[in-house]
Amino acid sequence: MRVSSPESTEEIQVNPARRRAQGQAQRILHSRPIYLDTETTGLGPEAEIVEIAVLDTDGSLLFESLVRSSSPIPPDATQVHGITTAMVAQAADWRGVWPEVAPILADRPIAIYNAEFDQRMIRQAHRRASLAWEVPSSQFTCLMELYAEFRGDWNPMKGSYRWHSLDVASRHCALPLTNNHRAGQDAQLARLLLEYMAQPPANSPGS
Protein backbone atom coordinates (compact mmCIF):
# COMPACT_ATOMS: atom_id res chain seq x y z
CA MET A 1 0.00 0.00 0.00
CA ARG A 2 1.40 3.41 -0.94
CA VAL A 3 0.84 6.23 1.49
CA SER A 4 0.19 9.81 0.47
CA SER A 5 2.63 12.42 1.74
CA PRO A 6 1.20 15.62 3.23
CA GLU A 7 4.57 17.34 2.96
CA SER A 8 6.16 19.11 0.05
CA THR A 9 8.57 17.50 -2.38
CA GLU A 10 10.81 20.56 -2.06
CA GLU A 11 11.22 20.04 1.70
CA ILE A 12 12.20 16.40 1.18
CA GLN A 13 14.68 17.29 -1.53
CA VAL A 14 16.55 19.94 0.48
CA ASN A 15 16.77 18.02 3.77
CA PRO A 16 19.97 15.91 3.82
CA ALA A 17 18.93 14.00 6.96
CA ARG A 18 15.63 13.10 5.37
CA ARG A 19 17.37 11.98 2.18
CA ARG A 20 19.65 9.72 4.22
CA ALA A 21 16.69 8.28 6.13
CA GLN A 22 14.79 7.78 2.90
CA GLY A 23 17.68 5.86 1.37
CA GLN A 24 17.96 3.69 4.47
CA ALA A 25 14.20 3.03 4.40
CA GLN A 26 14.49 1.91 0.78
CA ARG A 27 17.34 -0.46 1.67
CA ILE A 28 15.33 -1.92 4.57
CA LEU A 29 12.32 -2.47 2.31
CA HIS A 30 14.53 -4.13 -0.29
CA SER A 31 15.63 -6.62 2.39
CA ARG A 32 11.99 -7.73 2.78
CA PRO A 33 11.72 -7.40 6.57
CA ILE A 34 9.11 -8.80 8.88
CA TYR A 35 7.46 -6.53 11.45
CA LEU A 36 7.08 -7.32 15.14
CA ASP A 37 5.28 -5.66 18.01
CA THR A 38 4.44 -6.55 21.60
CA GLU A 39 2.01 -5.27 24.21
CA THR A 40 3.08 -5.49 27.83
CA THR A 41 2.07 -5.11 31.47
CA GLY A 42 4.33 -2.07 31.80
CA LEU A 43 7.68 -0.58 30.94
CA GLY A 44 10.01 -1.67 33.74
CA PRO A 45 12.30 -4.66 34.39
CA GLU A 46 9.44 -6.76 35.77
CA ALA A 47 7.02 -6.05 32.89
CA GLU A 48 5.69 -9.02 30.93
CA ILE A 49 4.51 -9.49 27.36
CA VAL A 50 0.75 -10.01 27.04
CA GLU A 51 0.47 -9.94 23.24
CA ILE A 52 2.80 -10.41 20.29
CA ALA A 53 2.27 -10.09 16.55
CA VAL A 54 4.53 -10.67 13.56
CA LEU A 55 3.67 -9.53 10.03
CA ASP A 56 5.28 -10.46 6.73
CA THR A 57 6.70 -7.88 4.32
CA ASP A 58 3.36 -7.50 2.54
CA GLY A 59 1.47 -7.01 5.79
CA SER A 60 0.02 -10.51 5.99
CA LEU A 61 -0.20 -11.93 9.50
CA LEU A 62 2.44 -14.53 10.30
CA PHE A 63 1.68 -14.86 14.00
CA GLU A 64 -0.53 -13.20 16.59
CA SER A 65 -1.33 -14.33 20.11
CA LEU A 66 -2.23 -13.13 23.55
CA VAL A 67 0.27 -14.27 26.19
CA ARG A 68 -0.66 -15.28 29.71
CA SER A 69 1.20 -13.22 32.29
CA SER A 70 2.27 -14.50 35.70
CA SER A 71 0.65 -11.57 37.48
CA PRO A 72 -2.46 -9.43 36.87
CA ILE A 73 -2.27 -6.78 34.17
CA PRO A 74 -2.25 -3.34 35.83
CA PRO A 75 -5.24 -1.09 35.02
CA ASP A 76 -3.02 1.62 33.56
CA ALA A 77 -1.61 -0.87 31.03
CA THR A 78 -5.11 -2.10 30.17
CA GLN A 79 -6.13 1.51 29.62
CA VAL A 80 -3.49 1.77 26.89
CA HIS A 81 -4.00 -1.48 24.95
CA GLY A 82 -7.33 -2.78 26.23
CA ILE A 83 -5.96 -6.20 27.21
CA THR A 84 -7.26 -7.48 30.55
CA THR A 85 -6.13 -10.25 32.86
CA ALA A 86 -9.29 -12.18 31.98
CA MET A 87 -8.46 -11.98 28.27
CA VAL A 88 -5.08 -13.69 28.71
CA ALA A 89 -6.18 -16.20 31.36
CA GLN A 90 -6.57 -19.06 28.87
CA ALA A 91 -3.69 -18.05 26.58
CA ALA A 92 -0.36 -19.85 26.41
CA ASP A 93 2.43 -18.45 28.54
CA TRP A 94 5.70 -17.23 26.99
CA ARG A 95 7.26 -20.69 27.14
CA GLY A 96 4.37 -21.95 25.04
CA VAL A 97 4.32 -19.02 22.60
CA TRP A 98 8.02 -18.63 21.81
CA PRO A 99 8.52 -21.98 20.00
CA GLU A 100 5.96 -20.77 17.45
CA VAL A 101 7.55 -17.34 17.08
CA ALA A 102 11.22 -18.32 16.91
CA PRO A 103 11.11 -20.11 13.51
CA ILE A 104 9.34 -17.12 11.96
CA LEU A 105 12.12 -14.78 13.07
CA ALA A 106 14.98 -17.03 11.99
CA ASP A 107 17.29 -15.36 9.46
CA ARG A 108 14.82 -12.57 8.66
CA PRO A 109 15.41 -8.82 9.04
CA ILE A 110 13.05 -7.62 11.77
CA ALA A 111 11.70 -4.06 11.73
CA ILE A 112 10.23 -2.67 14.95
CA TYR A 113 9.12 0.75 16.07
CA ASN A 114 11.24 1.20 19.21
CA ALA A 115 13.22 -1.99 18.74
CA GLU A 116 15.19 -1.60 21.97
CA PHE A 117 12.02 -1.81 24.03
CA ASP A 118 10.63 -4.92 22.34
CA GLN A 119 13.99 -6.67 22.43
CA ARG A 120 14.25 -5.91 26.15
CA MET A 121 10.74 -7.22 26.78
CA ILE A 122 11.52 -10.45 24.90
CA ARG A 123 14.78 -10.88 26.82
CA GLN A 124 12.91 -10.39 30.09
CA ALA A 125 10.32 -12.96 29.03
CA HIS A 126 13.11 -15.37 28.12
CA ARG A 127 14.80 -14.98 31.51
CA ARG A 128 11.51 -15.53 33.32
CA ALA A 129 10.83 -18.67 31.26
CA SER A 130 14.48 -19.90 31.46
CA LEU A 131 14.85 -19.76 27.69
CA ALA A 132 18.05 -19.00 25.78
CA TRP A 133 18.09 -15.84 23.64
CA GLU A 134 19.14 -16.82 20.11
CA VAL A 135 18.16 -13.88 17.87
CA PRO A 136 21.16 -11.71 16.89
CA SER A 137 20.69 -7.99 17.51
CA SER A 138 21.91 -7.42 13.94
CA GLN A 139 18.56 -8.73 12.66
CA PHE A 140 16.68 -5.83 14.25
CA THR A 141 16.10 -2.37 12.80
CA CYS A 142 14.59 0.42 14.87
CA LEU A 143 12.08 2.39 12.83
CA MET A 144 11.67 4.92 15.63
CA GLU A 145 15.30 5.99 15.26
CA LEU A 146 14.94 6.06 11.48
CA TYR A 147 11.81 8.19 11.71
CA ALA A 148 13.56 10.60 14.08
CA GLU A 149 16.15 11.30 11.36
CA PHE A 150 13.47 11.43 8.67
CA ARG A 151 11.43 13.92 10.70
CA GLY A 152 14.55 15.97 11.44
CA ASP A 153 13.37 17.49 14.72
CA TRP A 154 16.76 18.32 16.26
CA ASN A 155 17.19 18.39 20.05
CA PRO A 156 20.19 20.66 20.77
CA MET A 157 20.22 19.70 24.45
CA LYS A 158 20.86 16.03 23.62
CA GLY A 159 22.65 16.59 20.32
CA SER A 160 20.36 14.18 18.49
CA TYR A 161 17.05 13.97 16.68
CA ARG A 162 13.97 13.80 18.87
CA TRP A 163 12.14 10.52 19.09
CA HIS A 164 8.40 10.47 18.47
CA SER A 165 5.77 7.95 19.47
CA LEU A 166 4.21 5.76 16.80
CA ASP A 167 0.95 7.65 17.37
CA VAL A 168 2.62 10.97 16.62
CA ALA A 169 4.48 9.59 13.60
CA SER A 170 1.37 8.00 12.09
CA ARG A 171 -0.67 11.19 12.49
CA HIS A 172 2.10 13.39 11.11
CA CYS A 173 2.41 11.17 8.03
CA ALA A 174 -1.38 10.80 7.67
CA LEU A 175 -1.16 7.00 7.62
CA PRO A 176 -4.49 5.40 6.63
CA LEU A 177 -4.84 3.32 9.80
CA THR A 178 -6.02 4.23 13.28
CA ASN A 179 -3.83 3.03 16.13
CA ASN A 180 -5.75 0.87 18.62
CA HIS A 181 -2.55 -0.01 20.50
CA ARG A 182 -2.80 -3.72 19.82
CA ALA A 183 0.26 -5.59 18.62
CA GLY A 184 -1.02 -6.40 15.13
CA GLN A 185 -2.18 -2.85 14.47
CA ASP A 186 1.08 -1.33 15.72
CA ALA A 187 3.07 -3.67 13.47
CA GLN A 188 0.91 -2.62 10.49
CA LEU A 189 1.51 1.04 11.30
CA ALA A 190 5.26 0.42 11.47
CA ARG A 191 5.10 -1.21 8.03
CA LEU A 192 3.12 1.68 6.55
CA LEU A 193 5.50 4.19 8.10
CA LEU A 194 8.52 2.47 6.55
CA GLU A 195 6.82 2.49 3.14
CA TYR A 196 6.01 6.17 3.60
CA MET A 197 9.62 7.05 4.42
CA ALA A 198 10.89 5.06 1.43
CA GLN A 199 8.77 6.86 -1.16
CA PRO A 200 10.81 8.71 -3.79
CA PRO A 201 10.22 12.47 -3.42
CA ALA A 202 9.24 12.89 -7.08
CA ASN A 203 6.45 10.35 -6.63
CA SER A 204 5.18 11.64 -3.30
CA PRO A 205 1.57 12.84 -3.73
CA GLY A 206 0.32 15.92 -1.98
CA SER A 207 3.19 18.20 -2.93
Foldseek 3Di string as FASTA:
>chain_A
DAAFFQDALVVCVVQPLLVVLLVVLQVLLVLFAKEKFFQWLDQDLQIATQKMWIAGLVLHTPDIFGAQDPDWRDPVSCVQQVDGNVNRVPTHHPVVPVVSVVVVLPPGQYEYAPVVRVVSNVVSSCVVVVHDDDHDPVSYDHVQQSVQSNVVCADPVVRGGDGDDLQVLCVNRVPPADDSPHTSRNRVSSSNSSSNSNDNSVPRPND
